[in-house]
Protein backbone atom coordinates (compact mmCIF):
# COMPACT_ATOMS: atom_id res chain seq x y z
CA MET A 1 0.09 0.14 -0.15
CA ILE A 2 1.55 3.35 -0.84
CA VAL A 3 0.45 7.25 0.14
CA LEU A 4 1.84 9.30 -2.26
CA GLU A 5 3.16 12.37 -0.68
CA PRO A 6 0.99 14.12 0.85
CA ASP A 7 -0.17 17.83 0.54
CA SER A 8 1.33 17.34 -3.15
CA LEU A 9 -2.54 18.07 -4.58
CA ALA A 10 -3.76 20.00 -1.80
CA LEU A 11 -0.49 22.71 -1.46
CA LEU A 12 0.58 23.20 -4.86
CA PRO A 13 3.03 25.59 -6.25
CA SER A 14 0.67 28.60 -7.23
CA ASP A 15 -1.16 28.09 -4.16
CA CYS A 16 1.53 29.22 -2.18
CA GLU A 17 1.63 32.47 -4.21
CA GLY A 18 0.90 35.61 -2.28
CA GLN A 19 0.22 33.39 1.04
CA ALA A 20 -0.94 35.52 3.69
CA GLY A 21 0.13 33.74 6.84
CA GLU A 22 0.34 29.95 7.80
CA ASP A 23 -3.08 29.64 9.68
CA THR A 24 -5.56 31.76 6.80
CA PRO A 25 -8.61 30.23 6.49
CA ALA A 26 -8.36 28.41 3.57
CA GLU A 27 -11.24 26.94 0.65
CA ALA A 28 -12.36 23.61 1.66
CA THR A 29 -10.37 20.94 -0.77
CA THR A 30 -8.61 18.05 -0.64
CA PRO A 31 -4.84 17.19 -1.56
CA ALA A 32 -3.07 14.64 -3.47
CA PRO A 33 0.64 13.61 -4.20
CA ALA A 34 3.98 14.60 -6.01
CA LEU A 35 7.29 13.26 -5.72
CA THR A 36 9.31 16.79 -5.21
CA PRO A 37 12.41 17.16 -3.09
CA SER A 38 10.07 19.76 -0.99
CA ALA A 39 8.10 17.57 0.57
CA PRO A 40 7.13 18.01 4.34
CA ALA A 41 9.57 17.12 6.71
CA ASP A 42 7.00 15.24 9.15
CA ALA A 43 5.59 12.30 6.59
CA GLY A 44 5.76 8.95 8.77
CA THR A 45 5.55 4.94 7.74
CA ALA A 46 2.76 2.81 9.16
CA ALA A 47 3.22 -0.71 9.49
CA GLY A 48 2.98 -2.17 6.41
CA THR A 49 2.76 1.06 4.24
CA THR A 50 5.29 2.74 2.52
CA THR A 51 5.05 6.43 2.35
CA THR A 52 6.55 8.95 1.23
CA GLU A 53 4.60 11.74 3.68
CA PRO A 54 1.13 12.40 4.78
CA THR A 55 -1.63 15.02 5.09
CA THR A 56 -10.89 13.16 7.79
CA ALA A 57 -18.74 9.72 6.89
CA PRO A 58 -19.67 7.76 9.86
CA ALA A 59 -17.53 7.32 13.29
CA LEU A 60 -15.78 4.28 13.60
CA THR A 61 -16.19 2.26 16.74
CA GLU A 62 -14.15 2.26 19.39
CA PRO A 63 -12.61 -1.47 19.34
CA THR A 64 -11.73 -3.16 22.78
CA THR A 65 -10.21 -6.32 20.62
CA ALA A 66 -9.01 -6.97 17.55
CA PRO A 67 -11.93 -6.59 15.04
CA ALA A 68 -12.16 -9.35 12.39
CA LEU A 69 -11.78 -8.79 8.76
CA THR A 70 -15.18 -8.52 7.59
CA GLU A 71 -16.36 -7.34 4.25
CA PRO A 72 -18.96 -4.90 4.34
CA THR A 73 -21.72 -4.59 1.91
CA THR A 74 -23.64 -1.54 2.51
CA ALA A 75 -22.35 2.14 2.91
CA PRO A 76 -22.98 3.48 6.19
CA ALA A 77 -25.82 6.17 6.81
CA LEU A 78 -24.58 9.63 6.93
CA THR A 79 -24.50 11.42 10.32
CA GLU A 80 -23.52 15.12 11.28
CA PRO A 81 -20.10 15.56 11.46
CA THR A 82 -18.69 17.44 14.48
CA THR A 83 -15.79 18.86 15.69
CA LEU A 84 -14.21 18.43 19.17
CA PRO A 85 -13.01 21.65 20.25
CA SER A 86 -10.77 21.62 23.42
CA PRO A 87 -9.16 24.76 25.27
CA GLU A 88 -5.39 26.63 24.50
CA PRO A 89 -3.55 25.73 27.42
CA GLN A 90 -1.45 28.49 29.19
CA PRO A 91 2.14 27.82 28.73
CA GLY A 92 3.98 25.43 30.81
CA THR A 93 0.61 23.67 31.57
CA VAL A 94 1.34 20.35 29.10
CA PRO A 95 0.40 17.22 30.89
CA THR A 96 3.50 15.15 32.37
CA PRO A 97 3.36 11.68 33.34
CA GLY A 98 2.10 10.75 36.94
CA ALA A 99 -0.33 13.60 36.52
CA SER A 100 -3.56 12.93 38.58
CA GLY A 101 -7.10 14.20 38.52
CA ALA A 102 -8.42 16.20 35.75
CA ALA A 103 -5.02 16.34 34.14
CA GLU A 104 -5.83 13.18 32.98
CA THR A 105 -8.52 14.34 31.13
CA PRO A 106 -8.75 17.54 29.05
CA ALA A 107 -12.13 19.03 31.11
CA SER A 108 -12.61 20.75 27.94
CA ASP A 109 -13.12 18.18 25.87
CA PRO A 110 -17.15 17.20 24.87
CA ALA A 111 -18.59 14.01 25.57
CA VAL A 112 -18.33 12.21 22.47
CA PRO A 113 -21.44 12.95 20.32
CA THR A 114 -24.46 10.30 20.50
CA PRO A 115 -25.66 9.31 16.90
CA SER A 116 -29.16 11.06 15.99
CA PRO A 117 -31.77 8.63 16.19
CA SER A 118 -32.44 9.31 12.77
CA PRO A 119 -29.02 9.36 11.19
CA PHE A 120 -29.51 10.63 7.89
CA LEU A 121 -31.15 13.80 9.28
CA PRO A 122 -29.76 16.48 10.94
CA ASP A 123 -30.84 17.31 14.69
CA ASP A 124 -32.14 20.52 14.19
CA PRO A 125 -35.79 20.17 12.05
CA ALA A 126 -34.83 24.41 10.64
CA ASP A 127 -31.60 22.66 8.69
CA LEU A 128 -33.96 20.54 6.49
CA ASP A 129 -35.19 24.08 5.12
CA ARG A 130 -32.01 25.10 4.25
CA GLU A 131 -30.96 25.09 0.58
CA PRO A 132 -27.70 24.24 -0.52
CA GLU A 133 -25.19 27.35 -0.98
CA ALA A 134 -23.80 27.52 -4.38
CA ASP A 135 -20.76 29.13 -2.89
CA PRO A 136 -20.09 27.50 0.16
CA PRO A 137 -18.05 29.34 2.81
CA ALA A 138 -14.47 28.54 3.47
CA VAL A 139 -14.29 25.49 6.24
CA VAL A 140 -12.43 27.35 8.98
CA GLU A 141 -9.79 24.59 9.85
CA THR A 142 -6.19 26.25 8.28
CA GLU A 143 -3.17 24.27 6.33
CA PRO A 144 0.11 25.06 7.94
CA GLU A 145 1.77 25.54 4.74
CA SER A 146 -0.28 28.49 3.24
CA GLU A 147 -3.34 29.67 2.16
CA VAL A 148 -4.94 27.99 -0.55
CA ALA A 149 -5.40 29.54 -4.14
CA THR A 150 -8.68 28.75 -6.32
CA GLU A 151 -8.20 26.00 -9.45
CA ALA A 152 -7.67 28.83 -11.69
CA GLN A 153 -4.32 30.36 -9.94
CA SER A 154 -2.97 27.30 -10.24
CA GLY A 155 -3.76 26.30 -13.93
CA GLY A 156 -1.09 28.52 -15.50
CA ASP A 157 1.59 28.03 -13.09
CA ALA A 158 4.97 25.88 -14.54
CA LEU A 159 5.87 24.26 -11.37
CA THR A 160 2.12 23.13 -10.56
CA GLU A 161 1.82 21.58 -14.25
CA ALA A 162 5.54 20.35 -13.40
CA ARG A 163 3.76 18.33 -10.16
CA TYR A 164 1.04 17.02 -11.87
CA THR A 165 3.11 15.59 -14.16
CA GLU A 166 5.33 14.15 -11.83
CA ILE A 167 2.30 12.74 -9.63
CA THR A 168 0.75 10.85 -13.28
CA TYR A 169 3.95 9.69 -14.10
CA ALA A 170 4.74 8.20 -9.88
CA VAL A 171 0.79 6.43 -10.42
CA ASP A 172 1.73 5.05 -13.88
CA THR A 173 4.81 3.05 -12.54
CA LEU A 174 3.73 2.24 -8.84
CA THR A 175 0.12 0.90 -10.05
CA ALA A 176 2.34 -1.37 -12.65
CA LEU A 177 3.89 -3.05 -9.66
CA THR A 178 2.36 -6.21 -8.48
CA ASN A 179 0.07 -6.44 -5.96
CA ALA A 180 0.37 -2.59 -5.43
CA LYS A 181 -2.30 -0.07 -4.15
CA VAL A 182 -1.92 3.65 -4.68
CA TYR A 183 -3.75 6.34 -3.11
CA LEU A 184 -3.50 9.57 -3.67
CA ASP A 185 -3.55 12.02 -0.58
CA ALA A 186 -6.28 14.64 -0.67
CA GLY A 187 -6.30 16.50 1.96
CA HIS A 188 -8.49 16.60 5.14
CA ALA A 189 -12.17 17.79 5.47
CA GLY A 190 -11.60 20.76 6.68
CA TRP A 191 -9.54 21.87 3.92
CA HIS A 192 -10.40 21.84 0.55
CA ALA A 193 -14.08 21.40 -0.73
CA VAL A 194 -15.21 18.54 -2.64
CA SER A 195 -15.86 20.80 -5.80
CA SER A 196 -12.29 22.05 -5.69
CA ILE A 197 -9.88 18.77 -4.42
CA VAL A 198 -11.88 16.32 -7.19
CA PRO A 199 -10.57 18.09 -10.26
CA ARG A 200 -7.03 18.00 -8.77
CA LEU A 201 -7.30 14.33 -8.29
CA VAL A 202 -8.51 13.98 -11.75
CA LYS A 203 -6.01 15.98 -13.31
CA ALA A 204 -3.53 13.75 -10.96
CA GLY A 205 -4.44 10.27 -12.14
CA ILE A 206 -7.04 9.10 -9.68
CA ASP A 207 -8.47 7.19 -12.19
CA GLU A 208 -5.08 4.60 -12.53
CA ALA A 209 -4.67 4.81 -8.72
CA THR A 210 -6.91 2.79 -6.31
CA GLY A 211 -7.94 5.79 -4.41
CA PHE A 212 -7.11 8.77 -2.10
CA ALA A 213 -5.90 9.22 1.15
CA LEU A 214 -7.86 11.80 3.94
CA ASN A 215 -6.61 13.21 7.44
CA VAL A 216 -2.85 12.37 6.66
CA SER A 217 -0.94 13.81 9.55
CA HIS A 218 -3.69 15.66 10.71
CA TYR A 219 -6.48 15.76 13.24
CA GLN A 220 -9.74 15.31 11.80
CA THR A 221 -12.58 12.98 13.52
CA ASP A 222 -13.41 9.91 11.91
CA ARG A 223 -17.10 10.72 11.37
CA ASP A 224 -15.92 14.06 9.53
CA SER A 225 -13.39 12.08 7.37
CA GLU A 226 -15.52 9.06 6.57
CA LEU A 227 -18.43 11.61 5.20
CA TYR A 228 -15.94 13.76 3.28
CA GLY A 229 -14.10 10.66 1.59
CA ARG A 230 -18.12 9.05 0.52
CA LEU A 231 -19.03 12.59 -0.88
CA VAL A 232 -15.50 12.56 -2.55
CA SER A 233 -15.67 9.23 -3.63
CA ALA A 234 -19.43 10.06 -5.10
CA CYS A 235 -18.26 12.99 -6.66
CA LEU A 236 -15.23 11.38 -8.76
CA ALA A 237 -17.91 8.84 -9.89
CA TYR A 238 -20.48 11.77 -10.92
CA VAL A 239 -17.49 13.49 -12.86
CA ALA A 240 -16.73 10.69 -14.79
CA ASP A 241 -19.98 10.07 -15.94
CA GLY A 242 -19.72 13.26 -17.40
CA GLY A 243 -20.66 15.47 -14.43
CA GLU A 244 -19.48 18.63 -13.45
CA PRO A 245 -17.61 19.21 -9.80
CA GLU A 246 -19.49 22.28 -9.68
CA ALA A 247 -22.64 20.49 -9.10
CA CYS A 248 -20.91 18.20 -6.17
CA PRO A 249 -22.42 18.22 -2.94
CA GLU A 250 -20.22 19.79 -0.10
CA GLN A 251 -19.20 19.47 3.09
CA SER A 252 -21.57 22.54 3.98
CA TRP A 253 -24.82 21.43 2.67
CA SER A 254 -27.66 20.15 5.07
CA ARG A 255 -27.94 16.55 5.27
CA ARG A 256 -31.40 16.49 4.19
CA HIS A 257 -29.75 17.84 0.98
CA LEU A 258 -26.53 15.60 0.89
CA ARG A 259 -29.18 12.18 0.96
CA ALA A 260 -30.87 13.38 -2.38
CA TRP A 261 -27.74 14.22 -4.39
CA LEU A 262 -26.07 10.84 -3.25
CA ARG A 263 -29.74 9.52 -4.35
CA ALA A 264 -29.96 10.70 -7.76
CA HIS A 265 -26.27 10.32 -8.67
CA GLU A 266 -23.83 7.82 -6.17
CA PRO A 267 -23.24 4.38 -7.65
CA HIS A 268 -25.10 1.34 -6.24
CA ASP A 269 -22.01 -0.12 -6.35
CA PRO A 270 -18.99 0.71 -3.88
CA SER A 271 -16.61 -1.51 -6.74
CA GLU A 272 -17.54 1.33 -9.03
CA MET A 273 -15.82 4.01 -6.44
CA LYS A 274 -12.74 5.23 -5.87
CA HIS A 275 -11.92 4.19 -1.98
CA PHE A 276 -9.85 5.63 0.65
CA VAL A 277 -7.96 5.36 3.46
CA THR A 278 -7.78 7.46 6.64
CA ASP A 279 -4.78 8.25 8.96
CA THR A 280 -6.12 8.18 12.84
CA SER A 281 -2.69 8.31 14.73
CA ARG A 282 -3.37 11.70 16.07
CA ASN A 283 -7.32 12.35 15.52
CA GLY A 284 -8.50 10.12 19.32
CA ARG A 285 -9.62 14.32 20.12
CA GLY A 286 -10.10 16.02 16.99
CA PRO A 287 -8.79 19.18 16.10
CA TRP A 288 -8.08 21.85 18.15
CA THR A 289 -10.16 25.13 18.21
CA PRO A 290 -9.00 27.62 20.54
CA ARG A 291 -11.48 29.08 21.90
CA TYR A 292 -10.03 32.79 21.73
CA SER A 293 -6.48 33.97 19.43
CA ARG A 294 -4.51 35.70 21.81
CA HIS A 295 -1.50 34.87 18.84
CA ALA A 296 -1.07 36.55 15.29
CA ASP A 297 -1.11 33.12 14.25
CA PRO A 298 -2.68 30.36 15.88
CA GLN A 299 -1.26 27.47 13.99
CA SER A 300 -3.60 25.04 15.29
CA TRP A 301 -2.06 22.25 12.82
CA CYS A 302 1.09 22.54 14.90
CA ASN A 303 1.71 20.25 17.68
CA PRO A 304 -1.87 21.02 18.74
CA PRO A 305 -2.10 20.36 22.86
CA HIS A 306 -4.35 17.64 24.74
CA ARG A 307 -4.41 15.88 21.48
CA GLY A 308 -4.86 11.51 21.71
CA LEU A 309 -3.99 8.56 19.52
CA GLY A 310 -7.23 7.62 17.27
CA ALA A 311 -8.34 4.53 16.05
CA ARG A 312 -5.88 1.39 16.12
CA PRO A 313 -4.44 0.57 12.22
CA THR A 314 -7.38 -1.98 10.63
CA THR A 315 -9.13 -2.90 7.79
CA ALA A 316 -12.58 -3.49 9.75
CA THR A 317 -13.87 -0.10 9.10
CA GLY A 318 -17.58 -0.51 8.56
CA ASP A 319 -17.33 1.07 5.36
CA PRO A 320 -17.14 -0.50 2.26
CA LEU A 321 -15.40 2.41 0.47
CA HIS A 322 -13.00 3.16 3.69
CA ASP A 323 -10.38 0.35 2.72
CA ALA A 324 -8.45 1.12 6.20
CA ALA A 325 -7.55 3.32 9.45
CA LEU A 326 -3.69 3.52 9.42
CA TRP A 327 -1.08 5.40 11.52
CA VAL A 328 0.44 7.24 8.20
CA LYS A 329 2.24 9.87 10.52
CA THR A 330 4.39 8.72 13.16
CA PRO A 331 2.91 9.76 16.60
CA GLY A 332 5.11 11.97 18.63
CA GLN A 333 6.95 13.67 15.55
CA SER A 334 6.53 16.97 15.87
CA ASP A 335 5.33 19.32 13.44
CA GLY A 336 7.83 22.32 14.06
CA ARG A 337 8.82 25.15 16.55
CA CYS A 338 5.30 26.24 16.81
CA LEU A 339 5.93 30.14 17.43
CA ARG A 340 2.36 31.38 16.27
CA GLY A 341 3.15 34.27 15.24
CA THR A 342 5.70 35.63 17.84
CA SER A 343 9.61 35.85 17.49
CA GLY A 344 10.20 32.66 20.14
CA PRO A 345 12.21 31.09 20.52
CA SER A 346 9.29 29.27 23.04
CA ASP A 347 5.98 28.01 21.57
CA PRO A 348 3.52 30.32 23.51
CA VAL A 349 1.05 27.93 23.92
CA ARG A 350 2.85 24.70 25.47
CA GLY A 351 5.63 27.39 26.70
CA THR A 352 8.32 25.11 25.70
CA VAL A 353 10.87 25.22 22.88
CA ASN A 354 9.58 22.48 20.14
CA PRO A 355 11.45 20.02 18.64
CA GLU A 356 11.71 20.91 14.66
CA ALA A 357 9.30 19.56 12.13
CA GLY A 358 9.81 15.33 11.99
CA GLN A 359 12.33 15.11 15.43
CA TRP A 360 10.89 13.32 18.12
CA PHE A 361 8.72 15.36 20.71
CA PRO A 362 8.44 12.90 24.35
CA ASP A 363 5.77 15.90 25.75
CA GLN A 364 3.32 15.47 22.66
CA ALA A 365 3.87 11.56 22.74
CA LEU A 366 3.04 11.40 25.85
CA GLU A 367 -0.25 13.34 25.09
CA LEU A 368 -0.94 11.35 22.26
CA VAL A 369 -0.84 8.07 24.61
CA ARG A 370 -2.72 9.98 27.72
CA PHE A 371 -5.36 11.16 25.52
CA ALA A 372 -5.84 8.48 23.25
CA ARG A 373 -9.55 7.74 22.08
CA PRO A 374 -10.20 4.20 22.29
CA SER A 375 -8.08 4.42 25.73
CA VAL A 376 -4.48 2.47 25.11
CA THR A 377 -4.44 2.11 29.07
CA PRO A 378 -6.71 -0.84 30.94
C-alpha cells in the first residue's frame, strides 16, 4: 500500500503565491501526492505502508479487541459531522507523566457525540429547509503551509503543471507493480471543498490509482473524514460519468440535501467508486480549536495540545469505501517550532521550545497516549 506524498495536490506551488500567513482560512478542498524534493518533513510510515509523506462519513466504533476482517456490503448512513473543541492551555501546562485527577482528561473536551436517532437527517429540523449554498463558505480549519488558492490560479503555473506531471508518472509507475495499491493524498475535511479537490485528483491520475488518502498528519475526526471521503468518491464517479465538479455536494450542505444528491447520483455498487484510507494516528480528540486567539497566527495544526491517538490501524472499518484506518504519521513526531506569530523561541501555547519538524517530541508523545480515544490503557 503506497500513500503518495501528502499535501502534494492540496498544496500546489501556485497556492503558495501571495500567502497571508500559515493560519489564513483556506477554501475547503482535498490534496493528492507528488514526488518533489520539497515534501513536508513530518511524514511517517505506518506498519505495512510505504509513504513519502502524509497530509477526515460515519464514526468508527472504538474496538476493545482486534476486529475481525469482514467485507462490508453497504455504505453507512450519513451522520452530522462534529468537531471536538479543546481549550488553549496556558504556557507550561503540558501534561506530564504521573499527573492525576483532572489532568488525565482535558476538562474542556465534550463528551463523544451520540448519533442522531435518525442518522441521515440533521438534529435541527430547521436545517431541513436550508437550501444548499451555491458557493459554500470556506472551512475554518487551516493548513500549515499556506492559504489555498483557486484552481484558476494554479492552472497556468509552470511548477504546478510540473507537479501534476510528476504525480501522474508516479501513479503510472507504481500501479504497474504487482499487488500495489496506490492512494493519492487528498488533504482533509477541514481544508478543500469537494468541488475543489476533485478536479485536482482527476488531473493527477486518480482514474488509474486505487483511491485517495485523507487526514494524513492531521486531526479531523473519523466521522468527518468518512463523510468527506464518501462525498469525494461520489463526486469522482459523477464527474467520470460526465458531470461537473461544481454540481457536487459540499460538506456545508444539510443532510437532507446530501441525501437527495447521493440518491440521484451515487453508484449503487461501491466497486464502481474510488475507495479511500484515513490516518487516525492523532485524531482521537479531533482538531484543536483555540477558544480565542491571543496570537497573531494560532497555527492550530502545529503540535496542538491535548490531542490523542485515534482508532488502531485496521481494515475492518465497516464502510465498503473505507479500505483502512492507518497510522501514517508517526505519533510523537513534532510538527515544528510553532511560534504562532511570535518571535520565539518558545511555543507560546506550550511554554516550551519544540523540536524541529520531524524530530521526536516526548511531551506530545505522552499526551497522545494519555488522551488516546479509544484508550490504550486498561
